[in-house]
């Protein structure tokens, strides 16, 4: 009996070890399957969220584009219609399909034309961004060198040799800017400076001056030797005229740079949906000479900056 017992006891550790190894393998398998399942669930959730975000952004984009169409509808209203939106830079709030669309409609002549604008205005605008006199002179000459058809460098400008020395793989176009975005290629135009200038410049007005009655405040401050207090007073006066629907006179210091309205308008529509998705459409349009003509879109951009209307209240009396 004792021999049998010893024999049995001698064989028992092997099955126990086998069962222990099997249990460990099962635990590892369960752990691995759990990890795979969790990873799959996380991946599926991420893809679902991405799809929802894409759908939400697509909806915001469509609503912003609808805001552009709403602005065009207003432009085609008779000039004598008291309810017609005026292209003066005010914010118009339009609630549509559960979203809030803020629209700024402005005559393109309210901005400074990069190709045709007076040198004094361009220098004033550069100075208003915080550049010193030397930087202003250099950039103004570099912009002029980009546009003029020759290869002769202005005193503070830049032609092909300067671009090559700076490691650029291109040279000045020696032609007018085709878009405001092209300004980023000019030597010493930094991304920060371009962001400040982008909404204040155009290539579509073909005007040497600008329309002060709808110009952004930054452009009023760009008038050479302008008194900042006079700008503030005019902006307040403009706001009161808008609120009371009264006629507005041009800004007196801007008269030497006064420009008539063009048939080109800039529309910026910012759509924000209930879930917080935001899309901003920025377009410049040329209206047809005949009522049944076709609208021509000169630019069609996705803006990456907030609306920059003239300060004050929108047509509902709310401050933006």
Protein backbone atom coordinates (compact mmCIF):
# COMPACT_ATOMS: atom_id res chain seq x y z
CA UNK A 1 0.00 0.00 0.00
CA UNK A 2 2.71 2.39 0.91
CA UNK A 3 4.50 1.63 -2.38
CA UNK A 4 1.36 2.36 -4.31
CA UNK A 5 0.90 5.57 -2.43
CA UNK A 6 4.42 6.64 -3.21
CA UNK A 7 3.94 5.81 -6.87
CA UNK A 8 0.76 7.86 -7.04
CA UNK A 9 2.35 10.72 -5.18
CA UNK A 10 5.32 10.60 -7.52
CA UNK A 11 3.15 11.00 -10.63
CA UNK A 12 0.87 13.81 -9.39
CA UNK A 13 3.11 16.91 -9.95
CA UNK A 14 3.19 16.57 -13.77
CA UNK A 15 -0.58 16.93 -14.35
CA UNK A 16 -0.67 19.83 -11.90
CA UNK A 17 2.09 21.61 -13.78
CA UNK A 18 0.29 20.94 -17.06
CA UNK A 19 -2.94 22.35 -15.70
CA UNK A 20 -1.08 25.42 -14.40
CA UNK A 21 0.53 26.10 -17.76
CA UNK A 22 -2.83 25.67 -19.49
CA UNK A 23 -4.41 28.13 -17.07
CA UNK A 24 -1.69 30.71 -17.75
CA UNK A 25 -2.13 30.25 -21.50
CA UNK A 26 -5.88 30.72 -21.14
CA UNK A 27 -5.35 33.89 -19.11
CA UNK A 28 -2.91 35.26 -21.68
CA UNK A 29 -5.31 34.40 -24.50
CA UNK A 30 -8.19 36.11 -22.72
CA UNK A 31 -5.98 39.15 -22.07
CA UNK A 32 -4.87 39.28 -25.69
CA UNK A 33 -8.45 38.98 -26.96
CA UNK A 34 -9.52 41.73 -24.54
CA UNK A 35 -6.76 44.00 -25.85
CA UNK A 36 -7.73 43.25 -29.46
CA UNK A 37 -11.41 43.88 -28.71
CA UNK A 38 -10.62 47.13 -26.87
CA UNK A 39 -8.38 48.28 -29.69
CA UNK A 40 -11.07 47.49 -32.23
CA UNK A 41 -13.69 49.32 -30.16
CA UNK A 42 -11.41 52.35 -29.77
CA UNK A 43 -10.61 52.35 -33.48
CA UNK A 44 -14.29 52.09 -34.36
CA UNK A 45 -15.15 54.91 -31.96
CA UNK A 46 -12.39 57.09 -33.40
CA UNK A 47 -13.55 56.45 -36.95
CA UNK A 48 -17.13 57.21 -35.92
CA UNK A 49 -16.09 60.49 -34.32
CA UNK A 50 -14.01 61.44 -37.36
CA UNK A 51 -16.94 60.68 -39.63
CA UNK A 52 -19.25 62.77 -37.46
CA UNK A 53 -16.77 65.65 -37.46
CA UNK A 54 -16.44 65.49 -41.22
CA UNK A 55 -20.21 65.51 -41.62
CA UNK A 56 -20.51 68.41 -39.15
CA UNK A 57 -17.82 70.42 -40.97
CA UNK A 58 -19.42 69.67 -44.33
CA UNK A 59 -22.73 70.95 -42.98
CA UNK A 60 -21.08 74.12 -41.63
CA UNK A 61 -19.44 74.65 -45.02
CA UNK A 62 -22.75 74.32 -46.86
CA UNK A 63 -24.35 76.79 -44.44
CA UNK A 64 -21.52 79.30 -44.93
CA UNK A 65 -21.93 78.98 -48.69
CA UNK A 66 -25.66 79.54 -48.20
CA UNK A 67 -24.72 82.74 -46.37
CA UNK A 68 -22.85 83.88 -49.49
CA UNK A 69 -25.95 83.23 -51.59
CA UNK A 70 -28.06 85.18 -49.09
CA UNK A 71 -25.70 88.15 -49.43
CA UNK A 72 -25.91 87.97 -53.23
CA UNK A 73 -29.70 87.96 -52.95
CA UNK A 74 -29.47 91.18 -50.95
CA UNK A 75 -27.13 92.76 -53.51
CA UNK A 76 -29.63 92.13 -56.28
CA UNK A 77 -32.43 93.89 -54.42
CA UNK A 78 -33.38 97.35 -55.78
CA UNK A 79 -31.15 100.10 -54.42
CA UNK A 80 -34.23 101.88 -53.04
CA UNK A 81 -35.25 98.92 -50.88
CA UNK A 82 -34.86 100.10 -47.27
CA UNK A 83 -34.36 96.51 -46.06
CA UNK A 84 -31.54 95.84 -48.52
CA UNK A 85 -28.19 95.03 -46.93
CA UNK A 86 -25.73 97.78 -47.65
CA UNK A 87 -22.14 96.78 -48.51
CA UNK A 88 -20.74 98.82 -45.64
CA UNK A 89 -19.01 96.21 -43.51
CA UNK A 90 -21.68 95.63 -40.88
CA UNK A 91 -22.34 92.17 -39.50
CA UNK A 92 -25.66 90.66 -40.54
CA UNK A 93 -26.87 87.77 -38.40
CA UNK A 94 -28.89 85.13 -40.22
CA UNK A 95 -30.29 82.15 -38.34
CA UNK A 96 -30.89 79.27 -40.68
CA UNK A 97 -31.50 75.54 -40.20
CA UNK A 98 -30.47 75.62 -36.54
CA UNK A 99 -27.20 77.45 -37.24
CA UNK A 100 -26.07 81.04 -36.85
CA UNK A 101 -24.50 82.58 -39.94
CA UNK A 102 -22.75 85.92 -39.56
CA UNK A 103 -22.23 87.74 -42.85
CA UNK A 104 -20.11 90.77 -43.67
CA UNK A 105 -20.77 92.40 -47.02
CA UNK A 106 -18.36 95.09 -48.15
CA UNK A 107 -17.54 96.91 -51.38
CA UNK A 108 -14.12 95.78 -52.53
CA UNK A 109 -13.03 99.40 -52.76
CA UNK A 110 -13.08 99.49 -48.95
CA UNK A 111 -9.73 97.70 -49.05
CA UNK A 112 -6.38 98.79 -50.49
CA UNK A 113 -5.57 97.37 -53.90
CA UNK A 114 -2.17 95.69 -53.78
CA UNK A 115 -1.49 96.41 -57.45
CA UNK A 116 -3.06 99.85 -57.87
CA UNK A 117 -3.06 101.31 -54.36
CA UNK A 118 -1.08 104.45 -53.68
CA UNK A 119 2.41 103.94 -52.29
CA UNK A 120 1.61 106.26 -49.39
CA UNK A 121 -1.35 104.08 -48.36
CA UNK A 122 0.62 100.86 -48.62
CA UNK A 123 3.41 102.34 -46.50
CA UNK A 124 0.86 103.62 -44.01
CA UNK A 125 -0.75 100.19 -43.77
CA UNK A 126 2.63 98.51 -43.23
CA UNK A 127 3.49 101.05 -40.54
CA UNK A 128 0.16 100.48 -38.78
CA UNK A 129 1.09 96.83 -38.24
CA UNK A 130 3.98 97.88 -35.97
CA UNK A 131 6.90 97.87 -38.43
CA UNK A 132 9.59 100.51 -38.04
CA UNK A 133 10.49 103.03 -40.75
CA UNK A 134 13.34 100.91 -42.16
CA UNK A 135 11.18 97.79 -42.38
CA UNK A 136 8.35 99.76 -43.99
CA UNK A 137 10.68 101.23 -46.63
CA UNK A 138 12.17 97.81 -47.39
CA UNK A 139 8.86 96.02 -47.76
CA UNK A 140 7.22 98.81 -49.77
CA UNK A 141 10.13 98.74 -52.25
CA UNK A 142 10.11 94.93 -52.35
CA UNK A 143 6.39 94.96 -53.19
CA UNK A 144 7.00 97.54 -55.93
CA UNK A 145 9.93 95.49 -57.30
CA UNK A 146 7.67 92.43 -57.43
CA UNK A 147 5.16 94.31 -59.56
CA UNK A 148 7.29 96.45 -61.90
CA UNK A 149 8.34 94.84 -65.20
CA UNK A 150 12.07 95.57 -64.89
CA UNK A 151 14.94 93.95 -62.99
CA UNK A 152 16.29 97.19 -61.51
CA UNK A 153 16.33 97.04 -57.73
CA UNK A 154 14.82 99.95 -55.83
CA UNK A 155 16.95 101.49 -53.03
CA UNK A 156 15.43 99.27 -50.34
CA UNK A 157 13.83 96.64 -52.55
CA UNK A 158 14.61 93.16 -53.78
CA UNK A 159 15.07 91.70 -57.24
CA UNK A 160 16.24 88.27 -58.43
CA UNK A 161 19.72 88.54 -56.87
CA UNK A 162 18.33 89.26 -53.39
CA UNK A 163 15.90 86.34 -53.60
CA UNK A 164 18.70 84.03 -54.67
CA UNK A 165 20.91 85.26 -51.80
CA UNK A 166 18.05 84.56 -49.39
CA UNK A 167 17.86 80.95 -50.62
CA UNK A 168 14.58 81.37 -52.49
CA UNK A 169 13.98 79.17 -55.51
CA UNK A 170 12.00 81.87 -57.32
CA UNK A 171 12.32 85.51 -58.30
CA UNK A 172 9.88 88.44 -58.45
CA UNK A 173 7.03 88.02 -60.91
CA UNK A 174 7.64 91.44 -62.53
CA UNK A 175 3.87 91.58 -62.92
CA UNK A 176 0.85 92.41 -60.81
CA UNK A 177 -0.20 90.18 -57.94
CA UNK A 178 -2.73 87.62 -59.10
CA UNK A 179 -4.01 87.12 -55.55
CA UNK A 180 -3.37 88.56 -52.10
CA UNK A 181 -1.92 85.18 -51.07
CA UNK A 182 0.93 85.80 -53.50
CA UNK A 183 2.16 88.51 -51.12
CA UNK A 184 3.54 85.72 -48.91
CA UNK A 185 6.26 85.13 -51.51
CA UNK A 186 7.66 88.65 -51.21
CA UNK A 187 10.97 88.79 -49.38
CA UNK A 188 10.65 89.51 -45.63
CA UNK A 189 6.87 89.07 -45.52
CA UNK A 190 6.48 86.89 -42.44
CA UNK A 191 3.44 84.66 -41.75
CA UNK A 192 2.49 86.93 -38.84
CA UNK A 193 2.63 90.05 -41.01
CA UNK A 194 0.64 88.38 -43.75
CA UNK A 195 -2.11 87.43 -41.30
CA UNK A 196 -2.40 91.09 -40.29
CA UNK A 197 -2.57 92.31 -43.90
CA UNK A 198 -4.59 89.62 -45.64
CA UNK A 199 -8.07 90.95 -44.90
CA UNK A 200 -7.11 94.56 -45.63
CA UNK A 201 -5.77 94.10 -49.16
CA UNK A 202 -7.32 93.19 -52.48
CA UNK A 203 -6.31 92.76 -56.11
CA UNK A 204 -9.83 93.23 -57.44
CA UNK A 205 -10.84 96.85 -56.89
CA UNK A 206 -8.49 98.45 -59.47
CA UNK A 207 -8.57 101.62 -57.37
CA UNK A 208 -5.67 103.78 -56.19
CA UNK A 209 -7.63 104.85 -53.12
CA UNK A 210 -10.42 103.41 -50.98
CA UNK A 211 -13.94 104.06 -49.74
CA UNK A 212 -13.68 105.37 -46.17
CA UNK A 213 -17.39 104.93 -45.44
CA UNK A 214 -17.05 101.14 -45.37
CA UNK A 215 -13.31 100.66 -44.80
CA UNK A 216 -12.09 98.65 -41.81
CA UNK A 217 -10.59 100.80 -39.03
CA UNK A 218 -7.10 99.45 -39.78
CA UNK A 219 -7.21 101.14 -43.18
CA UNK A 220 -8.36 104.44 -41.73
CA UNK A 221 -5.37 104.30 -39.40
CA UNK A 222 -3.15 103.72 -42.47
CA UNK A 223 -3.83 107.23 -43.82
CA UNK A 224 -0.54 109.13 -43.64
CA UNK A 225 -0.29 111.50 -40.65
CA UNK A 226 -3.86 110.71 -39.57
CA UNK A 227 -4.91 111.63 -36.04
CA UNK A 228 -5.93 108.41 -34.18
CA UNK A 229 -8.53 110.36 -32.18
CA UNK A 230 -10.11 111.55 -35.43
CA UNK A 231 -10.36 107.92 -36.59
CA UNK A 232 -12.08 106.92 -33.34
CA UNK A 233 -14.53 109.79 -33.63
CA UNK A 234 -15.37 108.91 -37.22
CA UNK A 235 -15.93 105.26 -36.34
CA UNK A 236 -18.32 106.32 -33.57
CA UNK A 237 -20.07 108.68 -36.00
CA UNK A 238 -20.35 105.89 -38.54
CA UNK A 239 -21.84 103.58 -35.94
CA UNK A 240 -24.50 106.13 -35.00
CA UNK A 241 -25.37 106.72 -38.66
CA UNK A 242 -25.82 102.99 -39.19
CA UNK A 243 -27.96 102.60 -36.07
CA UNK A 244 -30.22 105.48 -37.10
CA UNK A 245 -30.16 104.56 -40.81
CA UNK A 246 -28.84 108.02 -41.66
CA UNK A 247 -26.55 109.06 -44.54
CA UNK A 248 -22.84 109.13 -43.81
CA UNK A 249 -20.17 111.52 -45.05
CA UNK A 250 -16.69 110.32 -46.04
CA UNK A 251 -13.83 110.58 -43.56
CA UNK A 252 -12.27 114.01 -44.26
CA UNK A 253 -8.58 112.93 -43.91
CA UNK A 254 -9.32 110.18 -46.43
CA UNK A 255 -10.57 112.55 -49.14
CA UNK A 256 -7.17 112.74 -50.94
CA UNK A 257 -7.43 108.94 -51.31
CA UNK A 258 -11.17 108.78 -51.98
CA UNK A 259 -12.36 106.15 -54.41
CA UNK A 260 -15.71 105.41 -55.97
CA UNK A 261 -17.42 102.10 -55.36
CA UNK A 262 -16.67 99.27 -57.73
CA UNK A 263 -18.91 96.50 -59.04
CA UNK A 264 -16.89 94.03 -56.98
CA UNK A 265 -17.94 92.99 -53.49
CA UNK A 266 -16.31 90.98 -50.74
CA UNK A 267 -18.50 88.57 -48.77
CA UNK A 268 -17.38 86.78 -45.62
CA UNK A 269 -19.84 84.27 -44.14
CA UNK A 270 -19.11 82.54 -40.82
CA UNK A 271 -21.40 79.61 -40.05
CA UNK A 272 -21.54 78.05 -36.59
CA UNK A 273 -23.74 75.01 -36.01
CA UNK A 274 -25.33 73.90 -32.74
CA UNK A 275 -22.51 71.39 -32.13
CA UNK A 276 -19.87 74.14 -32.34
CA UNK A 277 -18.58 73.41 -35.85
CA UNK A 278 -17.39 76.57 -37.62
CA UNK A 279 -16.64 77.27 -41.27
CA UNK A 280 -15.77 80.66 -42.77
CA UNK A 281 -16.19 81.36 -46.48
CA UNK A 282 -14.46 84.39 -48.01
CA UNK A 283 -15.28 85.30 -51.58
CA UNK A 284 -15.04 88.33 -53.86
CA UNK A 285 -17.69 88.58 -56.54
CA UNK A 286 -18.21 90.76 -59.58
CA UNK A 287 -21.82 91.53 -60.36
CA UNK A 288 -23.00 91.32 -63.96
CA UNK A 289 -23.84 94.53 -65.85
CA UNK A 290 -27.27 93.15 -66.73
CA UNK A 291 -29.81 91.79 -64.19
CA UNK A 292 -29.88 88.37 -65.82
CA UNK A 293 -26.12 88.14 -66.15
CA UNK A 294 -23.92 85.70 -64.33
CA UNK A 295 -22.10 86.47 -61.07
CA UNK A 296 -18.35 86.00 -61.38
CA UNK A 297 -16.48 84.68 -58.35
CA UNK A 298 -12.99 86.19 -58.37
CA UNK A 299 -11.91 84.39 -55.20
CA UNK A 300 -13.39 81.46 -53.28
CA UNK A 301 -11.47 80.83 -50.07
CA UNK A 302 -11.80 79.07 -46.74
CA UNK A 303 -10.90 81.78 -44.25
CA UNK A 304 -8.75 80.94 -41.24
CA UNK A 305 -9.46 84.06 -39.23
CA UNK A 306 -12.52 85.61 -37.56
CA UNK A 307 -14.68 88.22 -39.20
CA UNK A 308 -13.16 91.68 -39.09
CA UNK A 309 -16.06 94.05 -39.65
CA UNK A 310 -16.01 97.68 -38.80
CA UNK A 311 -16.55 97.82 -35.03
CA UNK A 312 -19.97 98.53 -33.68
CA UNK A 313 -23.30 96.80 -33.65
CA UNK A 314 -24.95 94.54 -36.16
CA UNK A 315 -28.34 95.25 -37.68
CA UNK A 316 -30.02 93.79 -34.60
CA UNK A 317 -28.24 96.25 -32.31
CA UNK A 318 -25.97 93.57 -30.85
CA UNK A 319 -22.27 94.15 -30.39
CA UNK A 320 -20.17 91.49 -32.05
